[in-house]
Amino acid sequence: MVTIKQIAEYAGVSPSTVSHVLNGRAQKMSAQTREKVERTLREHNYISNMAGRLLSNNGSRIIGVILSYERRSEFNAARDTFFAEIIGALEQEIRSSGYYMMLYTSDNVGEGLRIAASWKVEGIIVLGALACDCALYTEGTETPLVFIDSYFYDDGKPYVNIGLHDKNGAYQMTEYLIRQGHTRLAFLADGSPPMGVDGERLAGFTDALRDNGLPAGEEHYIRVSHKSEERYAALSALMEENFRGFTALFFASDFYAVDSMNFLQDRGCRVPEDISICGFDDSMLSVQCRPKLTTVHQTVSQKASCAIAQLLRILRKEPVDPRIIRLDVSLCIRNSVKTINK
């Protein structure tokens, strides 16, 4: 395997110059020199000795991304198109910033922090953590932390979080359904009760019902399990009960909305003629299904770029303001909701 010294000889530079390029410290060298070194590295298929770099004092150049997900034994989180999209967007942002991404899926805060420490990551992005875990992450490490789609206790800790106006997005969608003549609505998610992002979306749904003079009791929330067999059993029972009089089902995510829509249609239920369905996220699934899904749009790439920008500010010891960023959402009206004659 070619060495740094050999690369330096081929490029006509010093070994320290090659090392600076490899470690992302090429700001003070000319663009011509950097490009010559990078070209030589590519031509000779140089593979960095990561272990050696980790033992140096120059930093690992690794950003750890921890997907806070408690169901890894039953469900591969990357199958969810939202998670796949946010992971891809984060990797692109991290790479373009001169860092490497290490992805770890865990519902155990201590386990996640131990892995991050063993790799000497320079910063951590935590995706989808609940309030109790956010406090533990903050208390358990001095490594710079930025959260995505997380909610916190009012405990005075300096959390940095990139999220959405989840509650407002669900409120907008519920009002849209009501304007289409739907007065019997159900919200479906997989928590008992839903917490974090899904909890906020349920709150927006409930507020919209109440503000429009409609009942908003416990019967308007339906739990759908993350385990497909249990979820399909619940959907079958709901279908046999003629959807309990509900005319529209608002799912907390596009993944569950599209999966459930396919399951129902395979059993003779017509969407939207027999039941209207909508989701949240505007993932790629929402335009690939038929009918195309009415949903709440979010820009996932913007969420990733904001998170990395905030983390880089912390790493550079620059002021971070605001610490809590809520990105806007919008309705994406397609074909899975019908208008009911009033």
C-alpha atoms as a PDB file:
ATOM      1  CA  MET A   1       0.000   0.000   0.000  1.00  0.00           C
ATOM      2  CA  VAL A   2       1.317   3.436  -0.938  1.00  0.00           C
ATOM      3  CA  THR A   3       2.511   5.621   1.948  1.00  0.00           C
ATOM      4  CA  ILE A   4       2.255   9.331   2.689  1.00  0.00           C
ATOM      5  CA  LYS A   5       6.014   9.639   2.020  1.00  0.00           C
ATOM      6  CA  GLN A   6       5.585   8.065  -1.423  1.00  0.00           C
ATOM      7  CA  ILE A   7       2.631  10.309  -2.218  1.00  0.00           C
ATOM      8  CA  ALA A   8       4.765  13.319  -1.256  1.00  0.00           C
ATOM      9  CA  GLU A   9       7.541  12.170  -3.609  1.00  0.00           C
ATOM     10  CA  TYR A  10       5.107  11.634  -6.491  1.00  0.00           C
ATOM     11  CA  ALA A  11       3.516  15.060  -5.969  1.00  0.00           C
ATOM     12  CA  GLY A  12       6.801  16.865  -5.346  1.00  0.00           C
ATOM     13  CA  VAL A  13       5.777  18.166  -1.930  1.00  0.00           C
ATOM     14  CA  SER A  14       6.694  17.443   1.673  1.00  0.00           C
ATOM     15  CA  PRO A  15       5.024  14.661   3.696  1.00  0.00           C
ATOM     16  CA  SER A  16       3.631  17.305   6.051  1.00  0.00           C
ATOM     17  CA  THR A  17       1.848  18.948   3.096  1.00  0.00           C
ATOM     18  CA  VAL A  18       0.203  15.636   2.229  1.00  0.00           C
ATOM     19  CA  SER A  19      -0.761  15.183   5.871  1.00  0.00           C
ATOM     20  CA  HIS A  20      -2.334  18.649   5.976  1.00  0.00           C
ATOM     21  CA  VAL A  21      -4.497  17.801   2.936  1.00  0.00           C
ATOM     22  CA  LEU A  22      -5.560  14.462   4.412  1.00  0.00           C
ATOM     23  CA  ASN A  23      -6.523  16.052   7.708  1.00  0.00           C
ATOM     24  CA  GLY A  24      -8.433  18.978   6.226  1.00  0.00           C
ATOM     25  CA  ARG A  25      -5.841  21.585   7.187  1.00  0.00           C
ATOM     26  CA  ALA A  26      -5.070  22.891   3.691  1.00  0.00           C
ATOM     27  CA  GLN A  27      -6.507  26.370   4.169  1.00  0.00           C
ATOM     28  CA  LYS A  28      -3.122  28.123   4.083  1.00  0.00           C
ATOM     29  CA  MET A  29      -1.677  26.308   1.051  1.00  0.00           C
ATOM     30  CA  SER A  30      -2.336  27.319  -2.523  1.00  0.00           C
ATOM     31  CA  ALA A  31      -5.254  25.784  -4.403  1.00  0.00           C
ATOM     32  CA  GLN A  32      -2.785  24.499  -6.994  1.00  0.00           C
ATOM     33  CA  THR A  33      -0.766  22.573  -4.398  1.00  0.00           C
ATOM     34  CA  ARG A  34      -3.859  21.134  -2.739  1.00  0.00           C
ATOM     35  CA  GLU A  35      -5.311  20.017  -6.078  1.00  0.00           C
ATOM     36  CA  LYS A  36      -1.966  18.408  -7.052  1.00  0.00           C
ATOM     37  CA  VAL A  37      -1.866  16.434  -3.812  1.00  0.00           C
ATOM     38  CA  GLU A  38      -5.526  15.390  -4.095  1.00  0.00           C
ATOM     39  CA  ARG A  39      -4.990  14.289  -7.689  1.00  0.00           C
ATOM     40  CA  THR A  40      -1.952  12.216  -6.691  1.00  0.00           C
ATOM     41  CA  LEU A  41      -3.930  10.601  -3.861  1.00  0.00           C
ATOM     42  CA  ARG A  42      -6.668   9.614  -6.310  1.00  0.00           C
ATOM     43  CA  GLU A  43      -4.245   8.330  -8.943  1.00  0.00           C
ATOM     44  CA  HIS A  44      -2.541   6.042  -6.446  1.00  0.00           C
ATOM     45  CA  ASN A  45      -5.736   4.984  -4.626  1.00  0.00           C
ATOM     46  CA  TYR A  46      -4.350   6.108  -1.285  1.00  0.00           C
ATOM     47  CA  ILE A  47      -6.216   4.701   1.730  1.00  0.00           C
ATOM     48  CA  SER A  48      -5.817   6.677   4.932  1.00  0.00           C
ATOM     49  CA  ASN A  49      -4.617   4.901   8.063  1.00  0.00           C
ATOM     50  CA  MET A  50      -7.567   5.908  10.240  1.00  0.00           C
ATOM     51  CA  ALA A  51      -6.217   4.265  13.365  1.00  0.00           C
ATOM     52  CA  GLY A  52      -3.040   6.313  13.164  1.00  0.00           C
ATOM     53  CA  ARG A  53      -4.973   9.518  12.657  1.00  0.00           C
ATOM     54  CA  LEU A  54      -7.150   8.770  15.654  1.00  0.00           C
ATOM     55  CA  LEU A  55      -4.073   8.417  17.814  1.00  0.00           C
ATOM     56  CA  SER A  56      -2.725  11.782  16.651  1.00  0.00           C
ATOM     57  CA  ASN A  57      -3.505  15.079  18.291  1.00  0.00           C
ATOM     58  CA  ASN A  58      -5.095  16.501  15.172  1.00  0.00           C
ATOM     59  CA  GLY A  59      -8.628  15.254  15.737  1.00  0.00           C
ATOM     60  CA  SER A  60     -10.472  12.380  14.132  1.00  0.00           C
ATOM     61  CA  ARG A  61     -12.429  14.539  11.652  1.00  0.00           C
ATOM     62  CA  ILE A  62     -15.378  12.257  12.461  1.00  0.00           C
ATOM     63  CA  ILE A  63     -18.896  13.462  13.163  1.00  0.00           C
ATOM     64  CA  GLY A  64     -20.983  10.850  14.929  1.00  0.00           C
ATOM     65  CA  VAL A  65     -24.642  10.580  13.924  1.00  0.00           C
ATOM     66  CA  ILE A  66     -26.700   8.687  16.491  1.00  0.00           C
ATOM     67  CA  LEU A  67     -30.131   7.582  15.381  1.00  0.00           C
ATOM     68  CA  SER A  68     -32.132   7.293  18.590  1.00  0.00           C
ATOM     69  CA  TYR A  69     -34.267   4.310  17.671  1.00  0.00           C
ATOM     70  CA  GLU A  70     -35.467   1.698  20.134  1.00  0.00           C
ATOM     71  CA  ARG A  71     -36.765  -0.861  17.631  1.00  0.00           C
ATOM     72  CA  ARG A  72     -33.655  -1.966  15.817  1.00  0.00           C
ATOM     73  CA  SER A  73     -34.343  -5.631  16.684  1.00  0.00           C
ATOM     74  CA  GLU A  74     -37.695  -5.578  14.877  1.00  0.00           C
ATOM     75  CA  PHE A  75     -37.287  -2.872  12.238  1.00  0.00           C
ATOM     76  CA  ASN A  76     -34.432  -1.527  10.137  1.00  0.00           C
ATOM     77  CA  ALA A  77     -34.802   2.235  10.539  1.00  0.00           C
ATOM     78  CA  ALA A  78     -33.149   2.884   7.174  1.00  0.00           C
ATOM     79  CA  ARG A  79     -36.186   1.289   5.504  1.00  0.00           C
ATOM     80  CA  ASP A  80     -38.150   4.370   6.484  1.00  0.00           C
ATOM     81  CA  THR A  81     -37.634   6.789   3.613  1.00  0.00           C
ATOM     82  CA  PHE A  82     -37.476   9.798   5.959  1.00  0.00           C
ATOM     83  CA  PHE A  83     -34.600   8.301   7.955  1.00  0.00           C
ATOM     84  CA  ALA A  84     -32.843   7.265   4.739  1.00  0.00           C
ATOM     85  CA  GLU A  85     -33.181  10.778   3.335  1.00  0.00           C
ATOM     86  CA  ILE A  86     -31.975  12.590   6.463  1.00  0.00           C
ATOM     87  CA  ILE A  87     -28.996  10.221   6.823  1.00  0.00           C
ATOM     88  CA  GLY A  88     -28.043  10.797   3.178  1.00  0.00           C
ATOM     89  CA  ALA A  89     -28.396  14.570   3.532  1.00  0.00           C
ATOM     90  CA  LEU A  90     -26.278  14.595   6.704  1.00  0.00           C
ATOM     91  CA  GLU A  91     -23.541  12.512   5.069  1.00  0.00           C
ATOM     92  CA  GLN A  92     -23.368  14.926   2.159  1.00  0.00           C
ATOM     93  CA  GLU A  93     -23.163  17.960   4.449  1.00  0.00           C
ATOM     94  CA  ILE A  94     -20.559  16.333   6.679  1.00  0.00           C
ATOM     95  CA  ARG A  95     -18.397  15.237   3.752  1.00  0.00           C
ATOM     96  CA  SER A  96     -18.552  18.632   2.050  1.00  0.00           C
ATOM     97  CA  SER A  97     -17.417  20.200   5.346  1.00  0.00           C
ATOM     98  CA  GLY A  98     -14.265  18.072   5.366  1.00  0.00           C
ATOM     99  CA  TYR A  99     -15.391  15.499   7.925  1.00  0.00           C
ATOM    100  CA  TYR A 100     -16.371  11.824   7.930  1.00  0.00           C
ATOM    101  CA  MET A 101     -19.677  10.463   9.190  1.00  0.00           C
ATOM    102  CA  MET A 102     -20.016   7.580  11.625  1.00  0.00           C
ATOM    103  CA  LEU A 103     -23.617   6.307  11.895  1.00  0.00           C
ATOM    104  CA  TYR A 104     -24.848   4.424  14.934  1.00  0.00           C
ATOM    105  CA  THR A 105     -28.360   3.297  15.782  1.00  0.00           C
ATOM    106  CA  SER A 106     -29.174   2.920  19.473  1.00  0.00           C
ATOM    107  CA  ASP A 107     -31.847   3.474  22.080  1.00  0.00           C
ATOM    108  CA  ASN A 108     -29.233   3.395  24.837  1.00  0.00           C
ATOM    109  CA  VAL A 109     -27.617   6.744  25.597  1.00  0.00           C
ATOM    110  CA  GLY A 110     -24.634   5.262  27.413  1.00  0.00           C
ATOM    111  CA  GLU A 111     -23.953   2.832  24.592  1.00  0.00           C
ATOM    112  CA  GLY A 112     -24.075   5.590  21.994  1.00  0.00           C
ATOM    113  CA  LEU A 113     -21.741   7.835  23.960  1.00  0.00           C
ATOM    114  CA  ARG A 114     -19.261   5.009  24.553  1.00  0.00           C
ATOM    115  CA  ILE A 115     -19.043   4.320  20.833  1.00  0.00           C
ATOM    116  CA  ALA A 116     -18.621   8.027  20.117  1.00  0.00           C
ATOM    117  CA  ALA A 117     -15.859   8.293  22.721  1.00  0.00           C
ATOM    118  CA  SER A 118     -14.001   5.224  21.460  1.00  0.00           C
ATOM    119  CA  TRP A 119     -13.817   6.771  17.990  1.00  0.00           C
ATOM    120  CA  LYS A 120     -12.908  10.199  19.387  1.00  0.00           C
ATOM    121  CA  VAL A 121     -15.610  11.896  17.351  1.00  0.00           C
ATOM    122  CA  GLU A 122     -15.328  15.671  17.204  1.00  0.00           C
ATOM    123  CA  GLY A 123     -19.061  16.294  17.277  1.00  0.00           C
ATOM    124  CA  ILE A 124     -22.325  14.398  17.629  1.00  0.00           C
ATOM    125  CA  ILE A 125     -25.682  14.731  15.873  1.00  0.00           C
ATOM    126  CA  VAL A 126     -28.533  12.990  17.712  1.00  0.00           C
ATOM    127  CA  LEU A 127     -31.669  12.329  15.700  1.00  0.00           C
ATOM    128  CA  GLY A 128     -35.105  11.864  17.238  1.00  0.00           C
ATOM    129  CA  ALA A 129     -34.297  11.693  20.954  1.00  0.00           C
ATOM    130  CA  LEU A 130     -36.917  12.014  23.687  1.00  0.00           C
ATOM    131  CA  ALA A 131     -36.564  14.603  26.429  1.00  0.00           C
ATOM    132  CA  CYS A 132     -35.217  12.167  29.034  1.00  0.00           C
ATOM    133  CA  ASP A 133     -32.486  10.980  26.648  1.00  0.00           C
ATOM    134  CA  CYS A 134     -31.578  14.515  25.556  1.00  0.00           C
ATOM    135  CA  ALA A 135     -30.781  15.386  29.160  1.00  0.00           C
ATOM    136  CA  LEU A 136     -28.639  12.254  29.511  1.00  0.00           C
ATOM    137  CA  TYR A 137     -26.733  12.979  26.303  1.00  0.00           C
ATOM    138  CA  THR A 138     -25.980  16.520  27.451  1.00  0.00           C
ATOM    139  CA  GLU A 139     -24.874  15.385  30.898  1.00  0.00           C
ATOM    140  CA  GLY A 140     -22.869  12.421  29.615  1.00  0.00           C
ATOM    141  CA  THR A 141     -20.361  14.081  27.299  1.00  0.00           C
ATOM    142  CA  GLU A 142     -18.405  17.257  26.702  1.00  0.00           C
ATOM    143  CA  THR A 143     -18.350  16.570  22.959  1.00  0.00           C
ATOM    144  CA  PRO A 144     -20.342  19.227  21.050  1.00  0.00           C
ATOM    145  CA  LEU A 145     -23.924  18.069  20.504  1.00  0.00           C
ATOM    146  CA  VAL A 146     -26.646  19.108  18.087  1.00  0.00           C
ATOM    147  CA  PHE A 147     -30.078  17.471  18.113  1.00  0.00           C
ATOM    148  CA  ILE A 148     -32.517  16.988  15.257  1.00  0.00           C
ATOM    149  CA  ASP A 149     -36.263  16.452  15.762  1.00  0.00           C
ATOM    150  CA  SER A 150     -35.933  16.318  19.536  1.00  0.00           C
ATOM    151  CA  TYR A 151     -37.928  17.809  22.395  1.00  0.00           C
ATOM    152  CA  PHE A 152     -36.594  18.748  25.823  1.00  0.00           C
ATOM    153  CA  TYR A 153     -37.428  19.276  29.452  1.00  0.00           C
ATOM    154  CA  ASP A 154     -37.510  22.868  30.636  1.00  0.00           C
ATOM    155  CA  ASP A 155     -34.342  22.220  32.645  1.00  0.00           C
ATOM    156  CA  GLY A 156     -32.192  25.165  31.594  1.00  0.00           C
ATOM    157  CA  LYS A 157     -29.656  23.059  29.684  1.00  0.00           C
ATOM    158  CA  PRO A 158     -28.190  24.688  26.535  1.00  0.00           C
ATOM    159  CA  TYR A 159     -29.735  22.367  23.953  1.00  0.00           C
ATOM    160  CA  VAL A 160     -29.198  23.018  20.243  1.00  0.00           C
ATOM    161  CA  ASN A 161     -31.964  21.530  18.117  1.00  0.00           C
ATOM    162  CA  ILE A 162     -33.138  21.656  14.515  1.00  0.00           C
ATOM    163  CA  GLY A 163     -36.781  20.709  14.091  1.00  0.00           C
ATOM    164  CA  LEU A 164     -40.026  21.638  12.441  1.00  0.00           C
ATOM    165  CA  HIS A 165     -43.182  23.461  13.319  1.00  0.00           C
ATOM    166  CA  ASP A 166     -44.640  19.965  13.802  1.00  0.00           C
ATOM    167  CA  LYS A 167     -47.663  21.094  15.750  1.00  0.00           C
ATOM    168  CA  ASN A 168     -48.528  23.796  13.241  1.00  0.00           C
ATOM    169  CA  GLY A 169     -48.092  21.421  10.307  1.00  0.00           C
ATOM    170  CA  ALA A 170     -50.539  18.934  11.798  1.00  0.00           C
ATOM    171  CA  TYR A 171     -52.917  21.787  12.614  1.00  0.00           C
ATOM    172  CA  GLN A 172     -52.828  22.967   8.981  1.00  0.00           C
ATOM    173  CA  MET A 173     -53.489  19.478   7.625  1.00  0.00           C
ATOM    174  CA  THR A 174     -56.375  18.873  10.030  1.00  0.00           C
ATOM    175  CA  GLU A 175     -57.992  22.180   9.060  1.00  0.00           C
ATOM    176  CA  TYR A 176     -57.598  21.231   5.401  1.00  0.00           C
ATOM    177  CA  LEU A 177     -59.416  17.940   6.029  1.00  0.00           C
ATOM    178  CA  ILE A 178     -62.196  19.794   7.818  1.00  0.00           C
ATOM    179  CA  ARG A 179     -62.529  22.231   4.903  1.00  0.00           C
ATOM    180  CA  GLN A 180     -62.957  19.213   2.627  1.00  0.00           C
ATOM    181  CA  GLY A 181     -65.996  18.234   4.685  1.00  0.00           C
ATOM    182  CA  HIS A 182     -64.424  15.646   7.000  1.00  0.00           C
ATOM    183  CA  THR A 183     -65.763  15.873  10.535  1.00  0.00           C
ATOM    184  CA  ARG A 184     -64.819  12.376  11.763  1.00  0.00           C
ATOM    185  CA  LEU A 185     -61.030  12.248  11.767  1.00  0.00           C
ATOM    186  CA  ALA A 186     -58.454   9.945  13.337  1.00  0.00           C
ATOM    187  CA  PHE A 187     -54.751  10.444  13.984  1.00  0.00           C
ATOM    188  CA  LEU A 188     -52.526   7.356  13.801  1.00  0.00           C
ATOM    189  CA  ALA A 189     -49.023   6.906  15.227  1.00  0.00           C
ATOM    190  CA  ASP A 190     -47.081   4.179  17.000  1.00  0.00           C
ATOM    191  CA  GLY A 191     -46.719   5.483  20.546  1.00  0.00           C
ATOM    192  CA  SER A 192     -48.762   4.799  23.663  1.00  0.00           C
ATOM    193  CA  PRO A 193     -49.116   7.731  23.922  1.00  0.00           C
ATOM    194  CA  PRO A 194     -47.031   9.267  21.117  1.00  0.00           C
ATOM    195  CA  MET A 195     -44.140  11.395  22.344  1.00  0.00           C
ATOM    196  CA  GLY A 196     -41.662  13.835  20.860  1.00  0.00           C
ATOM    197  CA  VAL A 197     -42.383  14.745  17.241  1.00  0.00           C
ATOM    198  CA  ASP A 198     -45.463  12.511  17.020  1.00  0.00           C
ATOM    199  CA  GLY A 199     -46.759  13.946  20.270  1.00  0.00           C
ATOM    200  CA  GLU A 200     -46.510  17.468  18.853  1.00  0.00           C
ATOM    201  CA  ARG A 201     -48.316  16.397  15.693  1.00  0.00           C
ATOM    202  CA  LEU A 202     -51.092  14.811  17.722  1.00  0.00           C
ATOM    203  CA  ALA A 203     -51.398  18.044  19.722  1.00  0.00           C
ATOM    204  CA  GLY A 204     -51.780  20.062  16.516  1.00  0.00           C
ATOM    205  CA  PHE A 205     -54.428  17.630  15.264  1.00  0.00           C
ATOM    206  CA  THR A 206     -56.337  17.834  18.552  1.00  0.00           C
ATOM    207  CA  ASP A 207     -56.178  21.639  18.726  1.00  0.00           C
ATOM    208  CA  ALA A 208     -57.526  21.972  15.204  1.00  0.00           C
ATOM    209  CA  LEU A 209     -60.480  19.714  15.973  1.00  0.00           C
ATOM    210  CA  ARG A 210     -61.350  21.675  19.108  1.00  0.00           C
ATOM    211  CA  ASP A 211     -60.896  25.066  17.443  1.00  0.00           C
ATOM    212  CA  ASN A 212     -63.400  23.976  14.792  1.00  0.00           C
ATOM    213  CA  GLY A 213     -65.972  22.781  17.308  1.00  0.00           C
ATOM    214  CA  LEU A 214     -65.366  19.067  16.714  1.00  0.00           C
ATOM    215  CA  PRO A 215     -64.917  16.364  19.369  1.00  0.00           C
ATOM    216  CA  ALA A 216     -61.304  15.490  20.148  1.00  0.00           C
ATOM    217  CA  GLY A 217     -61.299  12.599  22.574  1.00  0.00           C
ATOM    218  CA  GLU A 218     -59.106   9.561  23.067  1.00  0.00           C
ATOM    219  CA  GLU A 219     -61.100   7.657  20.458  1.00  0.00           C
ATOM    220  CA  HIS A 220     -59.670   9.960  17.781  1.00  0.00           C
ATOM    221  CA  TYR A 221     -56.179   8.562  18.356  1.00  0.00           C
ATOM    222  CA  ILE A 222     -55.415   5.096  16.982  1.00  0.00           C
ATOM    223  CA  ARG A 223     -52.141   3.340  17.752  1.00  0.00           C
ATOM    224  CA  VAL A 224     -50.549   1.468  14.856  1.00  0.00           C
ATOM    225  CA  SER A 225     -47.682  -0.782  15.885  1.00  0.00           C
ATOM    226  CA  HIS A 226     -44.233  -0.546  14.313  1.00  0.00           C
ATOM    227  CA  LYS A 227     -44.476  -4.332  13.958  1.00  0.00           C
ATOM    228  CA  SER A 228     -46.149  -4.982  10.628  1.00  0.00           C
ATOM    229  CA  GLU A 229     -48.180  -8.011  11.774  1.00  0.00           C
ATOM    230  CA  GLU A 230     -49.702  -6.093  14.668  1.00  0.00           C
ATOM    231  CA  ARG A 231     -50.249  -3.014  12.505  1.00  0.00           C
ATOM    232  CA  TYR A 232     -52.017  -4.998   9.801  1.00  0.00           C
ATOM    233  CA  ALA A 233     -54.203  -6.723  12.371  1.00  0.00           C
ATOM    234  CA  ALA A 234     -55.284  -3.324  13.727  1.00  0.00           C
ATOM    235  CA  LEU A 235     -55.981  -2.025  10.207  1.00  0.00           C
ATOM    236  CA  SER A 236     -58.006  -5.136   9.369  1.00  0.00           C
ATOM    237  CA  ALA A 237     -60.123  -4.661  12.483  1.00  0.00           C
ATOM    238  CA  LEU A 238     -60.596  -0.980  11.665  1.00  0.00           C
ATOM    239  CA  MET A 239     -61.700  -1.825   8.137  1.00  0.00           C
ATOM    240  CA  GLU A 240     -64.147  -4.465   9.400  1.00  0.00           C
ATOM    241  CA  GLU A 241     -65.643  -1.835  11.722  1.00  0.00           C
ATOM    242  CA  ASN A 242     -66.206   0.445   8.727  1.00  0.00           C
ATOM    243  CA  PHE A 243     -63.405   2.649  10.083  1.00  0.00           C
ATOM    244  CA  ARG A 244     -65.595   3.420  13.141  1.00  0.00           C
ATOM    245  CA  GLY A 245     -67.261   6.153  11.136  1.00  0.00           C
ATOM    246  CA  PHE A 246     -64.004   8.001  10.413  1.00  0.00           C
ATOM    247  CA  THR A 247     -63.798   9.382   6.891  1.00  0.00           C
ATOM    248  CA  ALA A 248     -60.135  10.455   7.005  1.00  0.00           C
ATOM    249  CA  LEU A 249     -57.024   8.929   8.573  1.00  0.00           C
ATOM    250  CA  PHE A 250     -54.110  11.258   9.321  1.00  0.00           C
ATOM    251  CA  PHE A 251     -50.895   9.277   9.816  1.00  0.00           C
ATOM    252  CA  ALA A 252     -47.931  10.742  11.708  1.00  0.00           C
ATOM    253  CA  SER A 253     -45.560   9.784   8.863  1.00  0.00           C
ATOM    254  CA  ASP A 254     -45.685   9.040   5.154  1.00  0.00           C
ATOM    255  CA  PHE A 255     -44.165   5.625   5.791  1.00  0.00           C
ATOM    256  CA  TYR A 256     -47.134   4.473   7.850  1.00  0.00           C
ATOM    257  CA  ALA A 257     -49.611   6.288   5.579  1.00  0.00           C
ATOM    258  CA  VAL A 258     -48.385   4.642   2.360  1.00  0.00           C
ATOM    259  CA  ASP A 259     -47.845   1.228   3.935  1.00  0.00           C
ATOM    260  CA  SER A 260     -51.357   1.294   5.395  1.00  0.00           C
ATOM    261  CA  MET A 261     -52.883   2.595   2.169  1.00  0.00           C
ATOM    262  CA  ASN A 262     -51.321  -0.287   0.223  1.00  0.00           C
ATOM    263  CA  PHE A 263     -52.540  -2.803   2.788  1.00  0.00           C
ATOM    264  CA  LEU A 264     -56.114  -1.480   2.661  1.00  0.00           C
ATOM    265  CA  GLN A 265     -56.240  -1.241  -1.122  1.00  0.00           C
ATOM    266  CA  ASP A 266     -54.960  -4.800  -1.478  1.00  0.00           C
ATOM    267  CA  ARG A 267     -58.087  -5.826   0.468  1.00  0.00           C
ATOM    268  CA  GLY A 268     -60.540  -3.965  -1.702  1.00  0.00           C
ATOM    269  CA  CYS A 269     -60.693  -0.630   0.101  1.00  0.00           C
ATOM    270  CA  ARG A 270     -60.629   2.315  -2.292  1.00  0.00           C
ATOM    271  CA  VAL A 271     -58.595   5.422  -1.471  1.00  0.00           C
ATOM    272  CA  PRO A 272     -59.933   8.092  -1.347  1.00  0.00           C
ATOM    273  CA  GLU A 273     -63.433   6.882  -2.299  1.00  0.00           C
ATOM    274  CA  ASP A 274     -63.905   4.688   0.805  1.00  0.00           C
ATOM    275  CA  ILE A 275     -61.397   6.370   3.128  1.00  0.00           C
ATOM    276  CA  SER A 276     -59.197   9.450   2.797  1.00  0.00           C
ATOM    277  CA  ILE A 277     -55.575   9.149   3.904  1.00  0.00           C
ATOM    278  CA  CYS A 278     -52.854  11.738   4.495  1.00  0.00           C
ATOM    279  CA  GLY A 279     -49.368  11.748   5.992  1.00  0.00           C
ATOM    280  CA  PHE A 280     -46.493  13.900   7.164  1.00  0.00           C
ATOM    281  CA  ASP A 281     -42.962  14.402   5.684  1.00  0.00           C
ATOM    282  CA  ASP A 282     -43.480  14.462   1.885  1.00  0.00           C
ATOM    283  CA  SER A 283     -40.978  11.657   1.401  1.00  0.00           C
ATOM    284  CA  MET A 284     -40.335  10.020  -1.949  1.00  0.00           C
ATOM    285  CA  LEU A 285     -42.992   7.431  -1.103  1.00  0.00           C
ATOM    286  CA  SER A 286     -45.685  10.104  -1.241  1.00  0.00           C
ATOM    287  CA  VAL A 287     -45.339  10.569  -5.007  1.00  0.00           C
ATOM    288  CA  GLN A 288     -44.557   6.953  -5.876  1.00  0.00           C
ATOM    289  CA  CYS A 289     -47.762   5.517  -4.417  1.00  0.00           C
ATOM    290  CA  ARG A 290     -51.167   5.582  -6.117  1.00  0.00           C
ATOM    291  CA  PRO A 291     -53.074   7.663  -5.471  1.00  0.00           C
ATOM    292  CA  LYS A 292     -50.336  10.170  -4.712  1.00  0.00           C
ATOM    293  CA  LEU A 293     -50.375  11.068  -1.042  1.00  0.00           C
ATOM    294  CA  THR A 294     -51.604  14.345   0.409  1.00  0.00           C
ATOM    295  CA  THR A 295     -49.054  15.218   3.069  1.00  0.00           C
ATOM    296  CA  VAL A 296     -47.206  17.885   5.038  1.00  0.00           C
ATOM    297  CA  HIS A 297     -44.000  18.910   3.284  1.00  0.00           C
ATOM    298  CA  GLN A 298     -40.674  19.398   5.015  1.00  0.00           C
ATOM    299  CA  THR A 299     -37.300  20.089   3.377  1.00  0.00           C
ATOM    300  CA  VAL A 300     -35.031  17.406   4.806  1.00  0.00           C
ATOM    301  CA  SER A 301     -31.849  18.775   3.222  1.00  0.00           C
ATOM    302  CA  GLN A 302     -32.430  22.123   4.949  1.00  0.00           C
ATOM    303  CA  LYS A 303     -32.731  20.350   8.286  1.00  0.00           C
ATOM    304  CA  ALA A 304     -29.404  18.582   7.700  1.00  0.00           C
ATOM    305  CA  SER A 305     -27.564  21.704   6.538  1.00  0.00           C
ATOM    306  CA  CYS A 306     -28.799  23.709   9.538  1.00  0.00           C
ATOM    307  CA  ALA A 307     -27.706  20.987  11.962  1.00  0.00           C
ATOM    308  CA  ILE A 308     -24.201  20.742  10.531  1.00  0.00           C
ATOM    309  CA  ALA A 309     -23.861  24.531  10.345  1.00  0.00           C
ATOM    310  CA  GLN A 310     -24.737  24.801  14.035  1.00  0.00           C
ATOM    311  CA  LEU A 311     -22.323  22.018  14.970  1.00  0.00           C
ATOM    312  CA  LEU A 312     -19.481  23.642  13.028  1.00  0.00           C
ATOM    313  CA  ARG A 313     -20.126  26.930  14.840  1.00  0.00           C
ATOM    314  CA  ILE A 314     -19.792  25.127  18.159  1.00  0.00           C
ATOM    315  CA  LEU A 315     -16.575  23.424  17.003  1.00  0.00           C
ATOM    316  CA  ARG A 316     -15.159  26.804  15.974  1.00  0.00           C
ATOM    317  CA  LYS A 317     -16.251  28.211  19.353  1.00  0.00           C
ATOM    318  CA  GLU A 318     -18.494  30.751  17.639  1.00  0.00           C
ATOM    319  CA  PRO A 319     -21.785  32.035  19.097  1.00  0.00           C
ATOM    320  CA  VAL A 320     -24.782  29.834  18.320  1.00  0.00           C
ATOM    321  CA  ASP A 321     -27.956  31.873  18.056  1.00  0.00           C
ATOM    322  CA  PRO A 322     -30.703  30.849  17.885  1.00  0.00           C
ATOM    323  CA  ARG A 323     -30.095  27.535  19.606  1.00  0.00           C
ATOM    324  CA  ILE A 324     -33.546  26.186  18.769  1.00  0.00           C
ATOM    325  CA  ILE A 325     -34.534  26.379  15.094  1.00  0.00           C
ATOM    326  CA  ARG A 326     -37.982  25.398  13.877  1.00  0.00           C
ATOM    327  CA  LEU A 327     -38.238  25.139  10.101  1.00  0.00           C
ATOM    328  CA  ASP A 328     -41.435  25.920   8.235  1.00  0.00           C
ATOM    329  CA  VAL A 329     -43.691  23.288   6.703  1.00  0.00           C
ATOM    330  CA  SER A 330     -46.376  23.476   4.041  1.00  0.00           C
ATOM    331  CA  LEU A 331     -49.259  21.401   2.751  1.00  0.00           C
ATOM    332  CA  CYS A 332     -48.772  19.264  -0.335  1.00  0.00           C
ATOM    333  CA  ILE A 333     -52.216  18.517  -1.725  1.00  0.00           C
ATOM    334  CA  ARG A 334     -52.436  15.483  -3.996  1.00  0.00           C
ATOM    335  CA  ASN A 335     -55.046  12.783  -4.609  1.00  0.00           C
ATOM    336  CA  SER A 336     -55.555  10.706  -1.454  1.00  0.00           C
ATOM    337  CA  VAL A 337     -58.199  12.952   0.156  1.00  0.00           C
ATOM    338  CA  LYS A 338     -61.666  13.425  -1.278  1.00  0.00           C
ATOM    339  CA  THR A 339     -64.074  16.287  -0.779  1.00  0.00           C
ATOM    340  CA  ILE A 340     -67.285  15.390   1.029  1.00  0.00           C
ATOM    341  CA  ASN A 341     -70.419  17.259   0.033  1.00  0.00           C
ATOM    342  CA  LYS A 342     -71.586  19.297   2.977  1.00  0.00           C
END
